[in-house]
Amino acid sequence: MGSKVLFIFTLISGLFFQVLPSQTTYSIVAVDPITGEVGSAGASCVDLDRFGFETDDFVGELFPGEGAINTQAWYIPRNQQNAAKKFESGMSPDQIIQWLTKNDADGNPNLRQYGLVRMVKDGAQAAAFTGDSTISYAGQIVGDNYAIQGNILSGADVLERMEEAFLTTEGDLTCKLLAALEAAAFPGADTRCLGNITSSLFAYLKVAQPSDPKDEPSVLYSVRTAMGDEKEPVILLRNKMRAEGLCR
């Protein structure tokens, strides 16, 4: 490849990355088959104001009493919409991922990352997918009732810390999800935020009860910051929740 062609390719690649940022860098979806609660939480080193996002929790979609989906890494709304349609049609998490990888909205499933969990008669089913072209470190951990996934991470330990905290924390689903986020709240967890001395620039957490209307979860908290603020959004999120009596 000639130097001029290489320069143009590098320039275009850089612009492409700026226009379509990876969302969300680390996240978790989970359900509690006993209480029927479903939840999603995540954080990322992306300035949402800069890219015009109106909400902080857009990557997570909850289906009260049924399950949850997280769509991230080169996020495309159409992929999330398609995933939701397949979930509502009754597909299992594995089946949804198989469909999404064959029918990617832009024809490049290797840029995507998904986490899905669904309640079933005898408990729950979970699945995750990390495309080969997501930015390293990228990976996933799947348990019986949860899926944890991330990209542009400092290492696999980010996801491992999240899993340990989720599994060992006592309390309801809300507190377990918060613990998972806190476990990853160290500088550079998302490597882009190392210079900001934070793990991320925004964080969210939401949980729906079985009786909640769609898109109206009982628990919904989020925090967004900007590069240079040097304020950890996960800690700000935790403080906001504790101020209202949650997960003390």
Foldseek 3Di string as FASTA:
>chain_A
DDPVVVVVVVVVVVVVCVQQPWPDFKKKWFADLVQLKTKIKTFHADQCVVNVDPDDCVQKFDDGSWWIKGKTFSDDVVLVVQLVVCVVVPDAQVVSVVVCQVPPPVNACLRIKMKIKTADDVGIPIDIDHHPPFAPPWDWDDDRTMIMTGGQAPDPVLRVQLVVQLVPDDDDNQLSRLSSVVSNWAACRNPVRNVLRTSHFKMKMFMAGNPDDGPGRPDIFMDGHHRPPSDYGSVVRVVVQVVVPPND
